[in-house]
Amino acid sequence: MQDLTPEDEMLDLEARCLLLDDDFAKKQEAVRILKQRYARPLMGFLGELFGDLEVDERAMVVNDALLEIYRRSIKGTLDANNELSGLLFTVAKRRAIDRRRRSSRRIPVGSKLAENVGDYLKDSTTGSDWRLAVIMERAGAITDEFRAFVRTITAPQQRRVASVVADALPDWMTDREIAGEIFERFEVHVSQLEVKGAKQALMNKFRDLMKKKRQ
């Protein structure tokens, strides 16, 4: 997200004030203001990160994000000290990941996938193996097996990290993003160091699956 223009800052402030009002009609007006300003940028943002989702699915994600803002304002959990635009994009990304998980789609095989995963694992044997899997059109099968493996994990912390990593494929999340997503889903605080430790074991399994498919 880029810094807000003065006009967007005023719009954001207006929406926050309306959402803090006890009048439901004013809260709904705030949502309309946010939708009119951010629906198109959100659709573009989701299109870049989640090209496997259909246009109507991305539109539903946008609506889900706006609805989440509205619900937080009703519950009194909306942080009025921070800009709504950043929150909208964060919530939309999480909802898109949830929708991808529910739809259980096979990930796309192609140059974009190789770029996303390959760049994350760049200069490593795992990264080279992954690119090879993409070229040989085995990436989908590897991901399916990895997601199946996640369901067998019994250690709570590792399973939480694994489920977030698996749901985000073909995208890769930073340790901070994973920790944030774990808190959002499970209301459990996990340090980035704990995430990193759990991820190491997962990457070993991911590497084993790629070697198996390469044979």
N, C-alpha and C. Protein backbone atom coordinates (compact mmCIF):
# COMPACT_ATOMS: atom_id res chain seq x y z
N MET A 1 0.82 -1.19 0.00
CA MET A 1 0.00 0.00 0.00
C MET A 1 0.87 1.25 0.00
N GLN A 2 0.55 2.21 -0.86
CA GLN A 2 1.25 3.47 -0.91
C GLN A 2 0.65 4.40 0.13
N ASP A 3 1.40 5.48 0.45
CA ASP A 3 0.87 6.47 1.38
C ASP A 3 -0.39 7.07 0.81
N LEU A 4 -1.32 7.40 1.69
CA LEU A 4 -2.59 7.96 1.23
C LEU A 4 -2.41 9.39 0.75
N THR A 5 -3.16 9.75 -0.25
CA THR A 5 -3.20 11.15 -0.70
C THR A 5 -3.98 11.94 0.33
N PRO A 6 -3.85 13.27 0.35
CA PRO A 6 -4.65 14.08 1.29
C PRO A 6 -6.15 13.81 1.15
N GLU A 7 -6.60 13.61 -0.09
CA GLU A 7 -8.04 13.33 -0.30
C GLU A 7 -8.43 12.00 0.34
N ASP A 8 -7.57 10.99 0.16
CA ASP A 8 -7.88 9.68 0.74
C ASP A 8 -7.78 9.70 2.26
N GLU A 9 -6.88 10.52 2.79
CA GLU A 9 -6.78 10.66 4.25
C GLU A 9 -8.08 11.22 4.81
N MET A 10 -8.65 12.22 4.13
CA MET A 10 -9.92 12.80 4.57
C MET A 10 -11.04 11.78 4.46
N LEU A 11 -11.05 11.02 3.36
CA LEU A 11 -12.07 9.99 3.17
C LEU A 11 -11.96 8.92 4.26
N ASP A 12 -10.73 8.52 4.55
CA ASP A 12 -10.49 7.49 5.56
C ASP A 12 -10.97 7.98 6.93
N LEU A 13 -10.66 9.24 7.25
CA LEU A 13 -11.07 9.81 8.53
C LEU A 13 -12.59 9.90 8.62
N GLU A 14 -13.21 10.32 7.53
CA GLU A 14 -14.67 10.40 7.50
C GLU A 14 -15.30 9.03 7.75
N ALA A 15 -14.77 8.00 7.07
CA ALA A 15 -15.31 6.66 7.24
C ALA A 15 -15.13 6.16 8.66
N ARG A 16 -13.98 6.45 9.27
CA ARG A 16 -13.74 6.02 10.65
C ARG A 16 -14.73 6.69 11.61
N CYS A 17 -14.97 7.96 11.40
CA CYS A 17 -15.91 8.68 12.26
C CYS A 17 -17.32 8.10 12.14
N LEU A 18 -17.71 7.78 10.92
CA LEU A 18 -19.04 7.20 10.70
C LEU A 18 -19.15 5.81 11.33
N LEU A 19 -18.08 5.03 11.23
CA LEU A 19 -18.09 3.68 11.79
C LEU A 19 -18.14 3.69 13.32
N LEU A 20 -17.62 4.74 13.93
CA LEU A 20 -17.62 4.83 15.38
C LEU A 20 -18.96 5.32 15.92
N ASP A 21 -19.80 5.83 15.04
CA ASP A 21 -21.12 6.31 15.46
C ASP A 21 -22.02 5.13 15.80
N ASP A 22 -22.90 5.32 16.76
CA ASP A 22 -23.82 4.25 17.16
C ASP A 22 -24.93 4.03 16.14
N ASP A 23 -25.13 4.98 15.25
CA ASP A 23 -26.19 4.89 14.24
C ASP A 23 -25.78 3.89 13.15
N PHE A 24 -26.54 2.80 13.01
CA PHE A 24 -26.22 1.79 12.01
C PHE A 24 -26.22 2.37 10.59
N ALA A 25 -27.10 3.32 10.35
CA ALA A 25 -27.18 3.93 9.02
C ALA A 25 -25.86 4.63 8.67
N LYS A 26 -25.24 5.24 9.64
CA LYS A 26 -23.95 5.92 9.41
C LYS A 26 -22.83 4.90 9.19
N LYS A 27 -22.90 3.80 9.91
CA LYS A 27 -21.91 2.74 9.70
C LYS A 27 -22.02 2.20 8.27
N GLN A 28 -23.24 2.00 7.81
CA GLN A 28 -23.46 1.49 6.46
C GLN A 28 -23.01 2.50 5.41
N GLU A 29 -23.19 3.78 5.71
CA GLU A 29 -22.72 4.81 4.79
C GLU A 29 -21.19 4.77 4.68
N ALA A 30 -20.52 4.50 5.80
CA ALA A 30 -19.06 4.39 5.79
C ALA A 30 -18.61 3.25 4.89
N VAL A 31 -19.31 2.13 4.97
CA VAL A 31 -18.97 0.98 4.13
C VAL A 31 -19.16 1.33 2.66
N ARG A 32 -20.22 2.05 2.34
CA ARG A 32 -20.46 2.46 0.95
C ARG A 32 -19.33 3.37 0.45
N ILE A 33 -18.88 4.27 1.32
CA ILE A 33 -17.79 5.17 0.95
C ILE A 33 -16.52 4.37 0.66
N LEU A 34 -16.22 3.41 1.54
CA LEU A 34 -15.02 2.59 1.38
C LEU A 34 -15.10 1.72 0.12
N LYS A 35 -16.28 1.18 -0.14
CA LYS A 35 -16.45 0.34 -1.32
C LYS A 35 -16.26 1.14 -2.60
N GLN A 36 -16.83 2.32 -2.63
CA GLN A 36 -16.71 3.16 -3.83
C GLN A 36 -15.26 3.53 -4.12
N ARG A 37 -14.49 3.76 -3.04
CA ARG A 37 -13.08 4.17 -3.23
C ARG A 37 -12.15 2.99 -3.46
N TYR A 38 -12.37 1.86 -2.76
CA TYR A 38 -11.36 0.81 -2.76
C TYR A 38 -11.73 -0.49 -3.48
N ALA A 39 -12.96 -0.61 -3.96
CA ALA A 39 -13.35 -1.86 -4.62
C ALA A 39 -12.44 -2.18 -5.81
N ARG A 40 -12.21 -1.19 -6.67
CA ARG A 40 -11.38 -1.44 -7.85
C ARG A 40 -9.92 -1.72 -7.49
N PRO A 41 -9.27 -0.91 -6.61
CA PRO A 41 -7.90 -1.24 -6.21
C PRO A 41 -7.78 -2.60 -5.55
N LEU A 42 -8.77 -2.97 -4.75
CA LEU A 42 -8.74 -4.29 -4.11
C LEU A 42 -8.83 -5.41 -5.13
N MET A 43 -9.68 -5.23 -6.13
CA MET A 43 -9.81 -6.25 -7.17
C MET A 43 -8.49 -6.42 -7.92
N GLY A 44 -7.80 -5.32 -8.19
CA GLY A 44 -6.50 -5.39 -8.86
C GLY A 44 -5.46 -6.06 -7.99
N PHE A 45 -5.46 -5.73 -6.72
CA PHE A 45 -4.54 -6.32 -5.74
C PHE A 45 -4.74 -7.83 -5.66
N LEU A 46 -6.00 -8.25 -5.56
CA LEU A 46 -6.30 -9.68 -5.47
C LEU A 46 -6.00 -10.41 -6.76
N GLY A 47 -6.19 -9.72 -7.89
CA GLY A 47 -5.89 -10.33 -9.18
C GLY A 47 -4.42 -10.65 -9.34
N GLU A 48 -3.57 -9.79 -8.77
CA GLU A 48 -2.12 -10.01 -8.87
C GLU A 48 -1.67 -11.16 -7.97
N LEU A 49 -2.26 -11.26 -6.78
CA LEU A 49 -1.82 -12.28 -5.82
C LEU A 49 -2.57 -13.60 -5.94
N PHE A 50 -3.81 -13.53 -6.41
CA PHE A 50 -4.66 -14.73 -6.44
C PHE A 50 -5.30 -14.90 -7.82
N GLY A 51 -4.44 -15.05 -8.81
CA GLY A 51 -4.93 -15.20 -10.18
C GLY A 51 -5.74 -16.46 -10.40
N ASP A 52 -5.63 -17.44 -9.47
CA ASP A 52 -6.39 -18.68 -9.62
C ASP A 52 -7.86 -18.51 -9.19
N LEU A 53 -8.18 -17.41 -8.52
CA LEU A 53 -9.56 -17.15 -8.13
C LEU A 53 -10.30 -16.45 -9.26
N GLU A 54 -11.53 -16.87 -9.49
CA GLU A 54 -12.35 -16.24 -10.53
C GLU A 54 -12.70 -14.81 -10.12
N VAL A 55 -13.10 -14.01 -11.10
CA VAL A 55 -13.43 -12.61 -10.84
C VAL A 55 -14.54 -12.50 -9.80
N ASP A 56 -15.57 -13.33 -9.92
CA ASP A 56 -16.68 -13.24 -8.97
C ASP A 56 -16.24 -13.66 -7.57
N GLU A 57 -15.26 -14.56 -7.48
CA GLU A 57 -14.73 -14.96 -6.18
C GLU A 57 -13.96 -13.81 -5.55
N ARG A 58 -13.17 -13.10 -6.36
CA ARG A 58 -12.42 -11.96 -5.84
C ARG A 58 -13.38 -10.85 -5.40
N ALA A 59 -14.48 -10.69 -6.14
CA ALA A 59 -15.48 -9.69 -5.76
C ALA A 59 -16.11 -10.04 -4.42
N MET A 60 -16.34 -11.34 -4.18
CA MET A 60 -16.90 -11.77 -2.90
C MET A 60 -15.91 -11.54 -1.78
N VAL A 61 -14.62 -11.69 -2.08
CA VAL A 61 -13.59 -11.43 -1.07
C VAL A 61 -13.62 -9.96 -0.68
N VAL A 62 -13.76 -9.08 -1.66
CA VAL A 62 -13.84 -7.64 -1.39
C VAL A 62 -15.02 -7.35 -0.48
N ASN A 63 -16.17 -7.94 -0.79
CA ASN A 63 -17.35 -7.74 0.04
C ASN A 63 -17.15 -8.30 1.44
N ASP A 64 -16.46 -9.44 1.53
CA ASP A 64 -16.18 -10.03 2.84
C ASP A 64 -15.31 -9.09 3.68
N ALA A 65 -14.32 -8.47 3.04
CA ALA A 65 -13.43 -7.55 3.75
C ALA A 65 -14.20 -6.34 4.26
N LEU A 66 -15.08 -5.80 3.43
CA LEU A 66 -15.90 -4.65 3.84
C LEU A 66 -16.84 -5.04 4.98
N LEU A 67 -17.40 -6.24 4.88
CA LEU A 67 -18.30 -6.72 5.92
C LEU A 67 -17.57 -6.91 7.24
N GLU A 68 -16.31 -7.34 7.16
CA GLU A 68 -15.52 -7.52 8.38
C GLU A 68 -15.30 -6.17 9.08
N ILE A 69 -15.05 -5.11 8.30
CA ILE A 69 -14.90 -3.77 8.87
C ILE A 69 -16.19 -3.37 9.59
N TYR A 70 -17.31 -3.62 8.93
CA TYR A 70 -18.62 -3.28 9.49
C TYR A 70 -18.86 -4.05 10.80
N ARG A 71 -18.55 -5.34 10.79
CA ARG A 71 -18.77 -6.16 11.99
C ARG A 71 -17.91 -5.69 13.15
N ARG A 72 -16.67 -5.35 12.86
CA ARG A 72 -15.78 -4.87 13.92
C ARG A 72 -16.31 -3.57 14.52
N SER A 73 -16.88 -2.72 13.67
CA SER A 73 -17.42 -1.46 14.18
C SER A 73 -18.60 -1.71 15.11
N ILE A 74 -19.40 -2.72 14.81
CA ILE A 74 -20.55 -3.07 15.65
C ILE A 74 -20.08 -3.68 16.98
N LYS A 75 -19.08 -4.55 16.90
CA LYS A 75 -18.58 -5.21 18.10
C LYS A 75 -17.73 -4.28 18.97
N GLY A 76 -17.30 -3.16 18.40
CA GLY A 76 -16.46 -2.25 19.14
C GLY A 76 -15.00 -2.64 19.14
N THR A 77 -14.61 -3.50 18.19
CA THR A 77 -13.22 -3.97 18.13
C THR A 77 -12.42 -3.30 17.01
N LEU A 78 -13.02 -2.35 16.33
CA LEU A 78 -12.34 -1.66 15.24
C LEU A 78 -11.32 -0.67 15.80
N ASP A 79 -10.09 -0.77 15.34
CA ASP A 79 -9.03 0.15 15.77
C ASP A 79 -9.15 1.45 14.97
N ALA A 80 -9.72 2.46 15.59
CA ALA A 80 -9.97 3.72 14.89
C ALA A 80 -8.72 4.58 14.79
N ASN A 81 -7.63 4.15 15.40
CA ASN A 81 -6.40 4.94 15.35
C ASN A 81 -5.58 4.66 14.10
N ASN A 82 -5.92 3.58 13.40
CA ASN A 82 -5.18 3.22 12.20
C ASN A 82 -6.04 3.37 10.95
N GLU A 83 -5.38 3.62 9.83
CA GLU A 83 -6.11 3.83 8.57
C GLU A 83 -6.87 2.57 8.16
N LEU A 84 -8.06 2.77 7.66
CA LEU A 84 -8.91 1.65 7.25
C LEU A 84 -8.41 1.00 5.97
N SER A 85 -7.76 1.77 5.12
CA SER A 85 -7.32 1.23 3.84
C SER A 85 -6.36 0.06 4.03
N GLY A 86 -5.39 0.20 4.93
CA GLY A 86 -4.44 -0.88 5.18
C GLY A 86 -5.12 -2.11 5.74
N LEU A 87 -6.08 -1.89 6.64
CA LEU A 87 -6.83 -3.00 7.21
C LEU A 87 -7.64 -3.72 6.15
N LEU A 88 -8.24 -2.97 5.25
CA LEU A 88 -9.03 -3.58 4.17
C LEU A 88 -8.20 -4.53 3.33
N PHE A 89 -7.01 -4.10 2.94
CA PHE A 89 -6.15 -4.92 2.09
C PHE A 89 -5.66 -6.15 2.86
N THR A 90 -5.35 -5.99 4.14
CA THR A 90 -4.91 -7.13 4.95
C THR A 90 -6.01 -8.16 5.10
N VAL A 91 -7.21 -7.70 5.42
CA VAL A 91 -8.34 -8.62 5.59
C VAL A 91 -8.68 -9.30 4.28
N ALA A 92 -8.63 -8.54 3.18
CA ALA A 92 -8.94 -9.11 1.87
C ALA A 92 -7.97 -10.23 1.52
N LYS A 93 -6.70 -10.04 1.81
CA LYS A 93 -5.70 -11.08 1.52
C LYS A 93 -6.00 -12.34 2.32
N ARG A 94 -6.34 -12.17 3.60
CA ARG A 94 -6.63 -13.33 4.44
C ARG A 94 -7.89 -14.05 3.96
N ARG A 95 -8.90 -13.29 3.57
CA ARG A 95 -10.14 -13.91 3.10
C ARG A 95 -9.90 -14.65 1.78
N ALA A 96 -9.04 -14.12 0.94
CA ALA A 96 -8.73 -14.79 -0.32
C ALA A 96 -8.02 -16.11 -0.06
N ILE A 97 -7.13 -16.13 0.91
CA ILE A 97 -6.45 -17.38 1.28
C ILE A 97 -7.48 -18.39 1.80
N ASP A 98 -8.42 -17.92 2.62
CA ASP A 98 -9.47 -18.80 3.13
C ASP A 98 -10.31 -19.37 2.00
N ARG A 99 -10.65 -18.52 1.04
CA ARG A 99 -11.48 -18.98 -0.08
C ARG A 99 -10.72 -19.98 -0.93
N ARG A 100 -9.43 -19.74 -1.13
CA ARG A 100 -8.62 -20.70 -1.88
C ARG A 100 -8.59 -22.05 -1.18
N ARG A 101 -8.48 -22.01 0.15
CA ARG A 101 -8.44 -23.26 0.91
C ARG A 101 -9.77 -24.00 0.79
N ARG A 102 -10.87 -23.28 0.93
CA ARG A 102 -12.17 -23.94 0.87
C ARG A 102 -12.47 -24.54 -0.50
N SER A 103 -12.01 -23.84 -1.52
CA SER A 103 -12.29 -24.34 -2.88
C SER A 103 -11.40 -25.51 -3.25
N SER A 104 -10.31 -25.73 -2.48
CA SER A 104 -9.39 -26.85 -2.70
C SER A 104 -8.96 -26.94 -4.16
N ARG A 105 -8.55 -25.81 -4.69
CA ARG A 105 -8.13 -25.78 -6.09
C ARG A 105 -6.75 -26.40 -6.25
N ARG A 106 -6.51 -26.97 -7.42
CA ARG A 106 -5.16 -27.38 -7.78
C ARG A 106 -4.43 -26.13 -8.24
N ILE A 107 -3.23 -25.91 -7.72
CA ILE A 107 -2.52 -24.69 -8.04
C ILE A 107 -2.14 -24.66 -9.51
N PRO A 108 -2.06 -23.47 -10.10
CA PRO A 108 -1.69 -23.36 -11.50
C PRO A 108 -0.23 -23.72 -11.71
N VAL A 109 0.05 -24.36 -12.82
CA VAL A 109 1.43 -24.72 -13.14
C VAL A 109 1.89 -23.83 -14.27
N GLY A 110 2.98 -23.13 -14.05
CA GLY A 110 3.44 -22.24 -15.10
C GLY A 110 4.52 -21.32 -14.59
N SER A 111 4.84 -20.32 -15.38
CA SER A 111 5.96 -19.45 -15.06
C SER A 111 5.73 -18.64 -13.80
N LYS A 112 4.45 -18.22 -13.55
CA LYS A 112 4.18 -17.42 -12.37
C LYS A 112 4.44 -18.22 -11.10
N LEU A 113 4.04 -19.49 -11.11
CA LEU A 113 4.26 -20.35 -9.95
C LEU A 113 5.76 -20.55 -9.74
N ALA A 114 6.47 -20.79 -10.80
CA ALA A 114 7.91 -21.00 -10.68
C ALA A 114 8.58 -19.76 -10.11
N GLU A 115 8.08 -18.59 -10.52
CA GLU A 115 8.66 -17.34 -10.03
C GLU A 115 8.38 -17.15 -8.55
N ASN A 116 7.11 -17.38 -8.13
CA ASN A 116 6.73 -17.17 -6.73
C ASN A 116 7.51 -18.07 -5.80
N VAL A 117 7.49 -19.36 -6.07
CA VAL A 117 8.13 -20.32 -5.18
C VAL A 117 9.64 -20.34 -5.39
N GLY A 118 10.05 -20.29 -6.63
CA GLY A 118 11.48 -20.33 -6.94
C GLY A 118 12.24 -19.17 -6.33
N ASP A 119 11.62 -17.95 -6.36
CA ASP A 119 12.29 -16.79 -5.78
C ASP A 119 12.42 -16.93 -4.27
N TYR A 120 11.39 -17.51 -3.64
CA TYR A 120 11.43 -17.70 -2.20
C TYR A 120 12.55 -18.67 -1.81
N LEU A 121 12.76 -19.68 -2.63
CA LEU A 121 13.75 -20.72 -2.33
C LEU A 121 15.01 -20.55 -3.16
N LYS A 122 15.21 -19.37 -3.67
CA LYS A 122 16.31 -19.07 -4.58
C LYS A 122 17.66 -19.48 -3.98
N ASP A 123 18.54 -19.94 -4.85
CA ASP A 123 19.89 -20.34 -4.45
C ASP A 123 19.89 -21.53 -3.49
N SER A 124 18.85 -22.35 -3.54
CA SER A 124 18.82 -23.54 -2.70
C SER A 124 18.48 -24.75 -3.56
N THR A 125 18.86 -25.92 -3.06
CA THR A 125 18.53 -27.15 -3.78
C THR A 125 17.02 -27.31 -3.90
N THR A 126 16.31 -26.95 -2.84
CA THR A 126 14.85 -27.06 -2.85
C THR A 126 14.26 -26.20 -3.96
N GLY A 127 14.80 -24.98 -4.13
CA GLY A 127 14.31 -24.10 -5.19
C GLY A 127 14.52 -24.69 -6.56
N SER A 128 15.67 -25.30 -6.78
CA SER A 128 15.96 -25.93 -8.07
C SER A 128 15.03 -27.11 -8.32
N ASP A 129 14.80 -27.91 -7.27
CA ASP A 129 13.90 -29.05 -7.40
C ASP A 129 12.48 -28.60 -7.72
N TRP A 130 12.08 -27.49 -7.10
CA TRP A 130 10.72 -26.99 -7.34
C TRP A 130 10.55 -26.53 -8.77
N ARG A 131 11.53 -25.81 -9.29
CA ARG A 131 11.44 -25.35 -10.68
C ARG A 131 11.35 -26.55 -11.63
N LEU A 132 12.11 -27.58 -11.30
CA LEU A 132 12.07 -28.78 -12.13
C LEU A 132 10.67 -29.42 -12.06
N ALA A 133 10.09 -29.43 -10.87
CA ALA A 133 8.75 -30.00 -10.71
C ALA A 133 7.73 -29.22 -11.53
N VAL A 134 7.89 -27.91 -11.57
CA VAL A 134 6.97 -27.07 -12.36
C VAL A 134 7.09 -27.39 -13.84
N ILE A 135 8.35 -27.48 -14.30
CA ILE A 135 8.59 -27.77 -15.71
C ILE A 135 7.99 -29.12 -16.09
N MET A 136 8.09 -30.08 -15.20
CA MET A 136 7.60 -31.42 -15.48
C MET A 136 6.12 -31.59 -15.10
N GLU A 137 5.48 -30.47 -14.73
CA GLU A 137 4.05 -30.44 -14.39
C GLU A 137 3.72 -31.39 -13.24
N ARG A 138 4.57 -31.36 -12.23
CA ARG A 138 4.33 -32.19 -11.05
C ARG A 138 4.07 -31.34 -9.81
N ALA A 139 4.05 -30.04 -9.96
CA ALA A 139 3.89 -29.14 -8.81
C ALA A 139 2.55 -29.35 -8.13
N GLY A 140 1.50 -29.56 -8.92
CA GLY A 140 0.17 -29.76 -8.34
C GLY A 140 0.11 -30.98 -7.45
N ALA A 141 0.70 -32.08 -7.92
CA ALA A 141 0.70 -33.32 -7.15
C ALA A 141 1.51 -33.16 -5.86
N ILE A 142 2.62 -32.43 -5.94
CA ILE A 142 3.44 -32.20 -4.75
C ILE A 142 2.66 -31.42 -3.72
N THR A 143 1.96 -30.38 -4.17
CA THR A 143 1.18 -29.55 -3.25
C THR A 143 0.05 -30.35 -2.62
N ASP A 144 -0.61 -31.19 -3.41
CA ASP A 144 -1.69 -32.02 -2.87
C ASP A 144 -1.16 -32.94 -1.76
N GLU A 145 0.00 -33.54 -2.00
CA GLU A 145 0.58 -34.45 -1.01
C GLU A 145 1.01 -33.69 0.24
N PHE A 146 1.53 -32.47 0.03
CA PHE A 146 1.96 -31.66 1.16
C PHE A 146 0.76 -31.29 2.03
N ARG A 147 -0.35 -30.93 1.39
CA ARG A 147 -1.56 -30.58 2.15
C ARG A 147 -2.11 -31.80 2.89
N ALA A 148 -2.00 -32.97 2.27
CA ALA A 148 -2.42 -34.20 2.94
C ALA A 148 -1.53 -34.48 4.15
N PHE A 149 -0.23 -34.22 3.99
CA PHE A 149 0.72 -34.41 5.09
C PHE A 149 0.38 -33.50 6.27
N VAL A 150 -0.05 -32.28 5.98
CA VAL A 150 -0.39 -31.33 7.04
C VAL A 150 -1.45 -31.90 7.97
N ARG A 151 -2.40 -32.63 7.40
CA ARG A 151 -3.50 -33.18 8.20
C ARG A 151 -3.03 -34.28 9.15
N THR A 152 -1.82 -34.81 8.95
CA THR A 152 -1.31 -35.88 9.82
C THR A 152 -0.46 -35.34 10.96
N ILE A 153 -0.13 -34.06 10.94
CA ILE A 153 0.73 -33.48 11.97
C ILE A 153 -0.03 -33.39 13.29
N THR A 154 0.59 -33.85 14.37
CA THR A 154 -0.07 -33.85 15.68
C THR A 154 0.41 -32.72 16.58
N ALA A 155 1.65 -32.25 16.41
CA ALA A 155 2.16 -31.16 17.24
C ALA A 155 1.37 -29.88 16.92
N PRO A 156 0.66 -29.31 17.90
CA PRO A 156 -0.22 -28.16 17.63
C PRO A 156 0.46 -26.99 16.94
N GLN A 157 1.63 -26.58 17.46
CA GLN A 157 2.29 -25.40 16.89
C GLN A 157 2.70 -25.63 15.45
N GLN A 158 3.28 -26.79 15.18
CA GLN A 158 3.74 -27.09 13.83
C GLN A 158 2.55 -27.23 12.88
N ARG A 159 1.47 -27.79 13.38
CA ARG A 159 0.29 -27.95 12.53
C ARG A 159 -0.31 -26.59 12.15
N ARG A 160 -0.32 -25.67 13.09
CA ARG A 160 -0.83 -24.33 12.78
C ARG A 160 0.00 -23.67 11.69
N VAL A 161 1.31 -23.73 11.86
CA VAL A 161 2.20 -23.14 10.85
C VAL A 161 2.02 -23.84 9.52
N ALA A 162 1.94 -25.16 9.55
CA ALA A 162 1.82 -25.94 8.32
C ALA A 162 0.53 -25.63 7.58
N SER A 163 -0.58 -25.49 8.32
CA SER A 163 -1.86 -25.23 7.67
C SER A 163 -1.85 -23.88 6.98
N VAL A 164 -1.23 -22.88 7.61
CA VAL A 164 -1.15 -21.55 7.00
C VAL A 164 -0.27 -21.58 5.76
N VAL A 165 0.88 -22.26 5.85
CA VAL A 165 1.79 -22.35 4.70
C VAL A 165 1.11 -23.07 3.54
N ALA A 166 0.44 -24.19 3.83
CA ALA A 166 -0.21 -24.97 2.78
C ALA A 166 -1.34 -24.20 2.12
N ASP A 167 -2.11 -23.46 2.91
CA ASP A 167 -3.24 -22.71 2.36
C ASP A 167 -2.78 -21.56 1.47
N ALA A 168 -1.59 -21.04 1.76
CA ALA A 168 -1.10 -19.90 0.98
C ALA A 168 -0.49 -20.30 -0.36
N LEU A 169 -0.14 -21.57 -0.54
CA LEU A 169 0.46 -22.00 -1.80
C LEU A 169 -0.43 -21.62 -2.99
N PRO A 170 0.11 -21.13 -4.10
CA PRO A 170 1.53 -21.12 -4.45
C PRO A 170 2.31 -19.92 -3.92
N ASP A 171 1.67 -19.03 -3.17
CA ASP A 171 2.38 -17.90 -2.60
C ASP A 171 3.10 -18.32 -1.32
N TRP A 172 4.15 -17.59 -0.99
CA TRP A 172 4.89 -17.88 0.23
C TRP A 172 4.81 -16.67 1.13
N MET A 173 4.50 -16.92 2.42
CA MET A 173 4.32 -15.84 3.38
C MET A 173 5.58 -15.67 4.21
N THR A 174 5.80 -14.43 4.67
CA THR A 174 6.91 -14.17 5.58
C THR A 174 6.57 -14.75 6.95
N ASP A 175 7.60 -14.89 7.80
CA ASP A 175 7.37 -15.41 9.15
C ASP A 175 6.39 -14.51 9.91
N ARG A 176 6.51 -13.20 9.70
CA ARG A 176 5.61 -12.26 10.37
C ARG A 176 4.17 -12.46 9.90
N GLU A 177 3.99 -12.64 8.59
CA GLU A 177 2.65 -12.86 8.05
C GLU A 177 2.05 -14.16 8.58
N ILE A 178 2.88 -15.20 8.68
CA ILE A 178 2.39 -16.48 9.20
C ILE A 178 1.95 -16.32 10.66
N ALA A 179 2.77 -15.64 11.47
CA ALA A 179 2.43 -15.43 12.87
C ALA A 179 1.12 -14.65 12.99
N GLY A 180 0.95 -13.63 12.14
CA GLY A 180 -0.27 -12.84 12.15
C GLY A 180 -1.49 -13.65 11.76
N GLU A 181 -1.32 -14.50 10.76
CA GLU A 181 -2.43 -15.33 10.29
C GLU A 181 -2.81 -16.37 11.35
N ILE A 182 -1.83 -16.91 12.06
CA ILE A 182 -2.11 -17.87 13.13
C ILE A 182 -2.93 -17.20 14.23
N PHE A 183 -2.57 -15.98 14.58
CA PHE A 183 -3.35 -15.27 15.61
C PHE A 183 -4.76 -15.00 15.12
N GLU A 184 -4.89 -14.62 13.84
CA GLU A 184 -6.21 -14.33 13.28
C GLU A 184 -7.10 -15.57 13.30
N ARG A 185 -6.53 -16.72 12.97
CA ARG A 185 -7.34 -17.95 12.89
C ARG A 185 -7.58 -18.61 14.24
N PHE A 186 -6.49 -18.70 15.04
CA PHE A 186 -6.55 -19.52 16.25
C PHE A 186 -6.50 -18.71 17.55
N GLU A 187 -6.29 -17.38 17.43
CA GLU A 187 -6.15 -16.50 18.59
C GLU A 187 -5.03 -16.99 19.51
N VAL A 188 -3.93 -17.41 18.88
CA VAL A 188 -2.75 -17.87 19.60
C VAL A 188 -1.56 -17.03 19.15
N HIS A 189 -0.83 -16.49 20.13
CA HIS A 189 0.36 -15.70 19.79
C HIS A 189 1.55 -16.63 19.56
N VAL A 190 2.20 -16.47 18.42
CA VAL A 190 3.38 -17.26 18.07
C VAL A 190 4.48 -16.30 17.65
N SER A 191 5.67 -16.49 18.18
CA SER A 191 6.78 -15.63 17.80
C SER A 191 7.31 -16.00 16.42
N GLN A 192 7.97 -15.07 15.77
CA GLN A 192 8.55 -15.35 14.46
C GLN A 192 9.63 -16.42 14.57
N LEU A 193 10.30 -16.48 15.72
CA LEU A 193 11.33 -17.51 15.93
C LEU A 193 10.68 -18.89 15.98
N GLU A 194 9.52 -18.99 16.63
CA GLU A 194 8.81 -20.27 16.68
C GLU A 194 8.33 -20.68 15.29
N VAL A 195 7.87 -19.69 14.53
CA VAL A 195 7.44 -19.96 13.16
C VAL A 195 8.60 -20.50 12.34
N LYS A 196 9.74 -19.86 12.48
CA LYS A 196 10.92 -20.27 11.71
C LYS A 196 11.32 -21.71 12.05
N GLY A 197 11.27 -22.08 13.33
CA GLY A 197 11.62 -23.43 13.74
C GLY A 197 10.66 -24.47 13.18
N ALA A 198 9.37 -24.16 13.24
CA ALA A 198 8.36 -25.08 12.72
C ALA A 198 8.46 -25.22 11.21
N LYS A 199 8.81 -24.12 10.56
CA LYS A 199 8.89 -24.12 9.10
C LYS A 199 10.04 -24.99 8.59
N GLN A 200 11.09 -25.09 9.39
CA GLN A 200 12.26 -25.87 8.96
C GLN A 200 11.88 -27.33 8.73
N ALA A 201 11.12 -27.89 9.66
CA ALA A 201 10.69 -29.28 9.52
C ALA A 201 9.76 -29.44 8.32
N LEU A 202 8.94 -28.45 8.09
CA LEU A 202 8.02 -28.50 6.95
C LEU A 202 8.77 -28.46 5.64
N MET A 203 9.79 -27.63 5.57
CA MET A 203 10.57 -27.53 4.34
C MET A 203 11.30 -28.84 4.06
N ASN A 204 11.72 -29.54 5.11
CA ASN A 204 12.35 -30.85 4.91
C ASN A 204 11.37 -31.82 4.26
N LYS A 205 10.11 -31.78 4.73
CA LYS A 205 9.09 -32.65 4.15
C LYS A 205 8.81 -32.25 2.70
N PHE A 206 8.73 -30.95 2.47
CA PHE A 206 8.48 -30.44 1.12
C PHE A 206 9.59 -30.89 0.17
N ARG A 207 10.81 -30.83 0.66
CA ARG A 207 11.97 -31.25 -0.14
C ARG A 207 11.90 -32.75 -0.45
N ASP A 208 11.52 -33.53 0.55
CA ASP A 208 11.41 -34.99 0.34
C ASP A 208 10.35 -35.32 -0.72
N LEU A 209 9.24 -34.59 -0.69
CA LEU A 209 8.18 -34.83 -1.66
C LEU A 209 8.65 -34.52 -3.08
N MET A 210 9.44 -33.46 -3.22
CA MET A 210 9.94 -33.10 -4.54
C MET A 210 10.94 -34.12 -5.06
N LYS A 211 11.77 -34.63 -4.16
CA LYS A 211 12.72 -35.66 -4.59
C LYS A 211 11.99 -36.93 -5.02
N LYS A 212 10.94 -37.25 -4.30
CA LYS A 212 10.15 -38.43 -4.63
C LYS A 212 9.51 -38.30 -6.00
N LYS A 213 8.97 -37.12 -6.31
CA LYS A 213 8.31 -36.91 -7.58
C LYS A 213 9.31 -36.82 -8.74
N ARG A 214 10.55 -36.49 -8.40
CA ARG A 214 11.57 -36.35 -9.44
C ARG A 214 12.04 -37.72 -9.93
N GLN A 215 11.86 -38.74 -9.09
CA GLN A 215 12.37 -40.08 -9.44
C GLN A 215 11.51 -40.74 -10.52
